[in-house]
């Protein structure tokens, strides 16, 4: 008797779970790393970010996904390493994703005034519902 009741409860639970998950879509996630450094011609190495020039300076890094998303993803960027030249100056930077598509995006690093960024690295995550 108890076995039949337990099987019935289990069957009801499984059916309820299937019904509740039926409306949910799958989530696709891709991750990777990025780095801006003095080895990048045209970015930090040529003084665009690392130089002492006053005013706003920027560098970009193109990220291409191995496989495309079905919909345009949301992008999260996390900085985990920075090398700066310190001489009574503040670290000023803004990093954000630009030109986001199903195939990739561009990371833009901005700095201004007298900040000198020699290297910056981190990770990114792209998330989309399929």
N, C-alpha and C. Protein backbone atom coordinates (compact mmCIF):
# COMPACT_ATOMS: atom_id res chain seq x y z
N UNK A 1 0.82 -1.19 0.00
CA UNK A 1 0.00 0.00 0.00
C UNK A 1 0.87 1.26 0.00
N UNK A 2 1.88 1.26 0.89
CA UNK A 2 2.75 2.43 0.95
C UNK A 2 3.55 2.60 -0.33
N UNK A 3 3.93 1.51 -0.95
CA UNK A 3 4.71 1.58 -2.18
C UNK A 3 3.89 2.20 -3.30
N UNK A 4 2.61 1.83 -3.43
CA UNK A 4 1.75 2.40 -4.46
C UNK A 4 1.56 3.89 -4.23
N UNK A 5 1.38 4.27 -2.95
CA UNK A 5 1.19 5.69 -2.64
C UNK A 5 2.47 6.48 -2.92
N UNK A 6 3.63 5.92 -2.60
CA UNK A 6 4.91 6.59 -2.88
C UNK A 6 5.13 6.75 -4.38
N UNK A 7 4.81 5.70 -5.15
CA UNK A 7 4.94 5.79 -6.60
C UNK A 7 3.99 6.83 -7.18
N UNK A 8 2.76 6.88 -6.65
CA UNK A 8 1.79 7.87 -7.11
C UNK A 8 2.28 9.28 -6.80
N UNK A 9 2.81 9.50 -5.60
CA UNK A 9 3.36 10.82 -5.22
C UNK A 9 4.53 11.19 -6.12
N UNK A 10 5.39 10.23 -6.39
CA UNK A 10 6.53 10.49 -7.27
C UNK A 10 6.07 10.85 -8.67
N UNK A 11 5.08 10.13 -9.20
CA UNK A 11 4.54 10.41 -10.54
C UNK A 11 3.93 11.80 -10.59
N UNK A 12 3.17 12.18 -9.57
CA UNK A 12 2.56 13.52 -9.52
C UNK A 12 3.65 14.59 -9.47
N UNK A 13 4.69 14.34 -8.69
CA UNK A 13 5.79 15.30 -8.59
C UNK A 13 6.49 15.48 -9.94
N UNK A 14 6.79 14.37 -10.62
CA UNK A 14 7.48 14.43 -11.92
C UNK A 14 6.61 15.16 -12.94
N UNK A 15 5.32 14.88 -12.98
CA UNK A 15 4.41 15.56 -13.91
C UNK A 15 4.36 17.05 -13.60
N UNK A 16 4.28 17.40 -12.33
CA UNK A 16 4.25 18.82 -11.95
C UNK A 16 5.54 19.52 -12.36
N UNK A 17 6.68 18.86 -12.20
CA UNK A 17 7.96 19.46 -12.60
C UNK A 17 8.02 19.66 -14.12
N UNK A 18 7.55 18.67 -14.86
CA UNK A 18 7.56 18.79 -16.33
C UNK A 18 6.67 19.92 -16.79
N UNK A 19 5.52 20.07 -16.18
CA UNK A 19 4.60 21.15 -16.56
C UNK A 19 5.20 22.50 -16.21
N UNK A 20 5.82 22.62 -15.03
CA UNK A 20 6.36 23.91 -14.61
C UNK A 20 7.57 24.33 -15.44
N UNK A 21 8.38 23.39 -15.95
CA UNK A 21 9.57 23.73 -16.74
C UNK A 21 9.27 23.86 -18.23
N UNK A 22 8.07 23.50 -18.64
CA UNK A 22 7.73 23.53 -20.06
C UNK A 22 7.85 24.94 -20.64
N UNK A 23 7.50 25.97 -19.88
CA UNK A 23 7.52 27.34 -20.38
C UNK A 23 8.88 28.00 -20.36
N UNK A 24 9.88 27.38 -19.75
CA UNK A 24 11.20 27.99 -19.65
C UNK A 24 12.04 27.67 -20.89
N UNK A 25 12.79 28.68 -21.33
CA UNK A 25 13.69 28.46 -22.46
C UNK A 25 15.08 28.15 -21.93
N UNK A 26 15.92 27.65 -22.80
CA UNK A 26 17.29 27.35 -22.41
C UNK A 26 18.13 28.62 -22.45
N UNK A 27 19.16 28.64 -21.65
CA UNK A 27 20.07 29.78 -21.61
C UNK A 27 21.41 29.34 -22.17
N UNK A 28 21.96 30.12 -23.09
CA UNK A 28 23.28 29.85 -23.67
C UNK A 28 24.29 30.80 -23.03
N UNK A 29 25.45 30.27 -22.65
CA UNK A 29 26.49 31.07 -22.00
C UNK A 29 27.82 30.79 -22.68
N UNK A 30 28.56 31.84 -22.96
CA UNK A 30 29.93 31.73 -23.48
C UNK A 30 30.81 32.62 -22.62
N UNK A 31 32.05 32.19 -22.38
CA UNK A 31 32.97 32.97 -21.56
C UNK A 31 34.33 33.06 -22.22
N UNK A 32 35.12 34.00 -21.79
CA UNK A 32 36.47 34.15 -22.31
C UNK A 32 37.27 35.16 -21.52
N UNK A 33 38.49 35.37 -21.94
CA UNK A 33 39.39 36.31 -21.28
C UNK A 33 39.81 37.39 -22.28
N UNK A 34 40.22 38.53 -21.76
CA UNK A 34 40.75 39.60 -22.60
C UNK A 34 41.96 40.22 -21.92
N UNK A 35 42.78 40.89 -22.72
CA UNK A 35 43.93 41.58 -22.19
C UNK A 35 44.30 42.75 -23.09
N UNK A 36 44.52 43.88 -22.49
CA UNK A 36 45.10 45.04 -23.17
C UNK A 36 46.51 45.16 -22.61
N UNK A 37 47.52 45.19 -23.47
CA UNK A 37 48.89 45.29 -22.96
C UNK A 37 49.77 46.05 -23.93
N UNK A 38 51.02 46.25 -23.52
CA UNK A 38 51.97 46.98 -24.35
C UNK A 38 52.35 46.18 -25.59
N UNK A 39 51.98 44.89 -25.64
CA UNK A 39 52.25 44.06 -26.82
C UNK A 39 51.22 44.27 -27.93
N UNK A 40 50.17 45.02 -27.64
CA UNK A 40 49.11 45.26 -28.62
C UNK A 40 49.42 46.50 -29.44
N UNK A 41 49.89 46.34 -30.68
CA UNK A 41 50.17 47.53 -31.49
C UNK A 41 48.89 48.32 -31.73
N UNK A 42 49.00 49.62 -31.65
CA UNK A 42 47.85 50.47 -31.90
C UNK A 42 46.98 50.70 -30.69
N UNK A 43 47.19 49.97 -29.63
CA UNK A 43 46.40 50.19 -28.42
C UNK A 43 47.28 50.83 -27.36
N UNK A 44 47.65 50.07 -26.35
CA UNK A 44 48.45 50.61 -25.26
C UNK A 44 49.89 50.84 -25.70
N UNK A 45 50.43 49.92 -26.48
CA UNK A 45 51.83 49.97 -26.88
C UNK A 45 52.20 51.22 -27.64
N UNK A 46 51.29 51.79 -28.37
CA UNK A 46 51.58 53.00 -29.15
C UNK A 46 51.18 54.27 -28.41
N UNK A 47 50.90 54.14 -27.12
CA UNK A 47 50.63 55.33 -26.33
C UNK A 47 49.18 55.77 -26.28
N UNK A 48 48.26 55.01 -26.89
CA UNK A 48 46.87 55.44 -26.87
C UNK A 48 46.30 55.41 -25.46
N UNK A 49 46.70 54.42 -24.66
CA UNK A 49 46.24 54.34 -23.28
C UNK A 49 47.39 54.62 -22.32
N UNK A 50 48.56 54.09 -22.60
CA UNK A 50 49.68 54.20 -21.67
C UNK A 50 50.40 55.53 -21.69
N UNK A 51 50.16 56.33 -22.70
CA UNK A 51 50.88 57.60 -22.81
C UNK A 51 50.42 58.63 -21.81
N UNK A 52 51.21 59.69 -21.68
CA UNK A 52 50.89 60.75 -20.73
C UNK A 52 50.03 61.85 -21.34
N UNK A 53 49.55 61.64 -22.54
CA UNK A 53 48.75 62.67 -23.20
C UNK A 53 47.51 63.00 -22.38
N UNK A 54 47.21 64.27 -22.28
CA UNK A 54 46.00 64.69 -21.56
C UNK A 54 44.79 64.40 -22.44
N UNK A 55 43.65 64.35 -21.81
CA UNK A 55 42.42 64.10 -22.56
C UNK A 55 42.05 62.63 -22.56
N UNK A 56 40.95 62.33 -23.21
CA UNK A 56 40.45 60.95 -23.25
C UNK A 56 41.17 60.13 -24.31
N UNK A 57 41.53 58.88 -23.94
CA UNK A 57 42.16 57.95 -24.85
C UNK A 57 41.43 56.63 -24.77
N UNK A 58 41.45 55.87 -25.87
CA UNK A 58 40.72 54.60 -25.86
C UNK A 58 41.49 53.52 -26.60
N UNK A 59 41.17 52.28 -26.27
CA UNK A 59 41.69 51.10 -26.96
C UNK A 59 40.52 50.12 -27.09
N UNK A 60 40.54 49.30 -28.12
CA UNK A 60 39.47 48.34 -28.33
C UNK A 60 40.03 46.94 -28.55
N UNK A 61 39.21 45.95 -28.25
CA UNK A 61 39.57 44.55 -28.44
C UNK A 61 38.32 43.85 -28.99
N UNK A 62 38.45 43.26 -30.18
CA UNK A 62 37.32 42.57 -30.79
C UNK A 62 37.24 41.13 -30.27
N UNK A 63 36.05 40.72 -29.87
CA UNK A 63 35.79 39.37 -29.39
C UNK A 63 34.81 38.71 -30.36
N UNK A 64 35.20 37.55 -30.91
CA UNK A 64 34.32 36.80 -31.81
C UNK A 64 33.97 35.48 -31.13
N UNK A 65 32.67 35.13 -31.13
CA UNK A 65 32.23 33.87 -30.55
C UNK A 65 32.57 32.73 -31.50
N UNK A 66 32.90 31.54 -30.95
CA UNK A 66 33.16 30.36 -31.78
C UNK A 66 31.94 29.96 -32.58
N UNK A 67 30.78 30.04 -31.93
CA UNK A 67 29.50 29.80 -32.61
C UNK A 67 28.56 30.94 -32.25
N UNK A 68 27.70 31.28 -33.17
CA UNK A 68 26.77 32.40 -32.97
C UNK A 68 25.68 32.05 -31.98
N UNK A 69 25.18 33.07 -31.30
CA UNK A 69 24.00 32.94 -30.46
C UNK A 69 22.76 33.00 -31.34
N UNK A 70 21.64 32.49 -30.85
CA UNK A 70 20.37 32.61 -31.58
C UNK A 70 19.77 34.00 -31.43
N UNK A 71 20.08 34.67 -30.30
CA UNK A 71 19.62 36.03 -30.05
C UNK A 71 20.82 36.85 -29.55
N UNK A 72 20.73 38.16 -29.64
CA UNK A 72 21.82 39.03 -29.19
C UNK A 72 21.99 38.85 -27.67
N UNK A 73 23.20 38.51 -27.22
CA UNK A 73 23.41 38.25 -25.79
C UNK A 73 23.62 39.52 -24.98
N UNK A 74 23.53 39.38 -23.68
CA UNK A 74 23.94 40.42 -22.75
C UNK A 74 25.39 40.10 -22.36
N UNK A 75 26.19 41.14 -22.17
CA UNK A 75 27.62 40.96 -21.90
C UNK A 75 27.97 41.47 -20.51
N UNK A 76 28.72 40.67 -19.76
CA UNK A 76 29.28 41.08 -18.48
C UNK A 76 30.79 41.09 -18.61
N UNK A 77 31.43 42.15 -18.11
CA UNK A 77 32.89 42.27 -18.16
C UNK A 77 33.40 42.45 -16.73
N UNK A 78 34.46 41.71 -16.41
CA UNK A 78 35.07 41.79 -15.09
C UNK A 78 36.57 42.02 -15.26
N UNK A 79 37.08 43.06 -14.62
CA UNK A 79 38.53 43.35 -14.63
C UNK A 79 39.16 42.63 -13.45
N UNK A 80 40.23 41.87 -13.71
CA UNK A 80 40.89 41.16 -12.61
C UNK A 80 42.38 41.48 -12.49
N UNK A 81 42.93 42.30 -13.40
CA UNK A 81 44.32 42.71 -13.26
C UNK A 81 44.55 44.05 -13.96
N UNK A 82 45.32 44.91 -13.30
CA UNK A 82 45.64 46.23 -13.85
C UNK A 82 47.08 46.56 -13.47
N UNK A 83 47.82 47.08 -14.44
CA UNK A 83 49.17 47.57 -14.18
C UNK A 83 49.17 49.04 -14.58
N UNK A 84 49.49 49.90 -13.63
CA UNK A 84 49.48 51.33 -13.91
C UNK A 84 50.81 51.94 -13.50
N UNK A 85 51.08 53.10 -14.07
CA UNK A 85 52.25 53.88 -13.67
C UNK A 85 51.76 54.86 -12.62
N UNK A 86 52.31 54.78 -11.42
CA UNK A 86 51.86 55.66 -10.35
C UNK A 86 52.90 56.71 -10.05
N UNK A 87 52.49 57.91 -10.12
CA UNK A 87 53.34 59.03 -9.78
C UNK A 87 52.41 60.18 -9.41
N UNK A 88 51.77 60.01 -8.28
CA UNK A 88 50.79 60.99 -7.81
C UNK A 88 49.67 61.22 -8.82
N UNK A 89 49.23 60.13 -9.46
CA UNK A 89 48.08 60.24 -10.38
C UNK A 89 47.03 59.24 -9.94
N UNK A 90 45.81 59.47 -10.35
CA UNK A 90 44.70 58.59 -10.05
C UNK A 90 44.48 57.61 -11.20
N UNK A 91 43.96 56.45 -10.86
CA UNK A 91 43.57 55.48 -11.88
C UNK A 91 42.15 55.82 -12.32
N UNK A 92 42.01 56.14 -13.59
CA UNK A 92 40.70 56.46 -14.16
C UNK A 92 40.49 55.58 -15.37
N UNK A 93 39.43 54.79 -15.36
CA UNK A 93 39.13 53.98 -16.54
C UNK A 93 37.64 53.65 -16.59
N UNK A 94 37.21 53.37 -17.79
CA UNK A 94 35.86 52.89 -18.04
C UNK A 94 36.00 51.77 -19.07
N UNK A 95 35.39 50.63 -18.80
CA UNK A 95 35.46 49.52 -19.74
C UNK A 95 34.03 49.04 -19.98
N UNK A 96 33.69 48.87 -21.26
CA UNK A 96 32.33 48.47 -21.58
C UNK A 96 32.25 47.75 -22.92
N UNK A 97 31.21 46.91 -23.08
CA UNK A 97 31.01 46.24 -24.36
C UNK A 97 30.32 47.17 -25.35
N UNK A 98 30.73 47.08 -26.60
CA UNK A 98 30.13 47.90 -27.67
C UNK A 98 29.84 46.99 -28.86
N UNK A 99 28.96 47.45 -29.73
CA UNK A 99 28.67 46.75 -31.00
C UNK A 99 28.36 45.27 -30.78
N UNK A 100 27.46 44.99 -29.84
CA UNK A 100 27.12 43.61 -29.49
C UNK A 100 26.23 43.01 -30.57
N UNK A 101 26.60 41.81 -31.04
CA UNK A 101 25.80 41.10 -32.04
C UNK A 101 25.75 39.62 -31.66
N UNK A 102 25.08 38.83 -32.47
CA UNK A 102 25.00 37.38 -32.25
C UNK A 102 26.36 36.71 -32.46
N UNK A 103 27.28 37.40 -33.15
CA UNK A 103 28.57 36.82 -33.52
C UNK A 103 29.74 37.28 -32.65
N UNK A 104 29.56 38.36 -31.87
CA UNK A 104 30.64 38.87 -31.06
C UNK A 104 30.37 40.28 -30.57
N UNK A 105 31.42 40.94 -30.08
CA UNK A 105 31.30 42.30 -29.58
C UNK A 105 32.69 42.91 -29.49
N UNK A 106 32.75 44.17 -29.12
CA UNK A 106 34.01 44.89 -28.96
C UNK A 106 34.09 45.39 -27.53
N UNK A 107 35.23 45.16 -26.88
CA UNK A 107 35.48 45.72 -25.55
C UNK A 107 36.20 47.04 -25.76
N UNK A 108 35.66 48.11 -25.18
CA UNK A 108 36.31 49.42 -25.27
C UNK A 108 36.81 49.83 -23.89
N UNK A 109 38.09 50.18 -23.84
CA UNK A 109 38.74 50.66 -22.63
C UNK A 109 39.03 52.15 -22.81
N UNK A 110 38.52 52.96 -21.89
CA UNK A 110 38.74 54.41 -21.92
C UNK A 110 39.52 54.84 -20.68
N UNK A 111 40.38 55.81 -20.85
CA UNK A 111 41.02 56.47 -19.72
C UNK A 111 41.15 57.95 -20.07
N UNK A 112 41.43 58.78 -19.10
CA UNK A 112 41.50 60.21 -19.36
C UNK A 112 42.44 60.89 -18.37
N UNK A 113 42.64 62.14 -18.63
CA UNK A 113 43.53 63.02 -17.88
C UNK A 113 44.93 62.45 -17.86
N UNK A 114 45.56 62.23 -16.70
CA UNK A 114 46.96 61.79 -16.67
C UNK A 114 47.13 60.33 -16.24
N UNK A 115 46.06 59.54 -16.26
CA UNK A 115 46.17 58.12 -15.92
C UNK A 115 46.97 57.38 -16.98
N UNK A 116 47.86 56.49 -16.55
CA UNK A 116 48.66 55.68 -17.47
C UNK A 116 48.42 54.21 -17.17
N UNK A 117 47.67 53.55 -18.05
CA UNK A 117 47.40 52.12 -17.91
C UNK A 117 48.40 51.38 -18.78
N UNK A 118 49.20 50.53 -18.17
CA UNK A 118 50.20 49.76 -18.90
C UNK A 118 49.64 48.41 -19.35
N UNK A 119 48.72 47.83 -18.55
CA UNK A 119 48.11 46.55 -18.87
C UNK A 119 46.80 46.43 -18.11
N UNK A 120 45.82 45.79 -18.74
CA UNK A 120 44.56 45.48 -18.07
C UNK A 120 44.05 44.16 -18.61
N UNK A 121 43.62 43.29 -17.73
CA UNK A 121 43.09 42.00 -18.14
C UNK A 121 41.83 41.66 -17.37
N UNK A 122 41.09 40.70 -17.90
CA UNK A 122 39.88 40.29 -17.22
C UNK A 122 39.14 39.20 -17.96
N UNK A 123 37.90 39.02 -17.59
CA UNK A 123 37.06 37.99 -18.20
C UNK A 123 35.76 38.61 -18.69
N UNK A 124 35.13 37.92 -19.62
CA UNK A 124 33.82 38.34 -20.11
C UNK A 124 32.89 37.13 -20.13
N UNK A 125 31.60 37.43 -20.05
CA UNK A 125 30.58 36.40 -20.12
C UNK A 125 29.44 36.92 -20.99
N UNK A 126 29.02 36.11 -21.96
CA UNK A 126 27.88 36.44 -22.82
C UNK A 126 26.75 35.49 -22.49
N UNK A 127 25.56 36.02 -22.25
CA UNK A 127 24.40 35.23 -21.84
C UNK A 127 23.22 35.57 -22.73
N UNK A 128 22.56 34.53 -23.24
CA UNK A 128 21.40 34.74 -24.09
C UNK A 128 20.40 33.62 -23.92
N UNK A 129 19.13 33.95 -24.03
CA UNK A 129 18.09 32.93 -24.04
C UNK A 129 17.92 32.41 -25.45
N UNK A 130 17.85 31.11 -25.59
CA UNK A 130 17.63 30.50 -26.91
C UNK A 130 16.17 30.20 -27.12
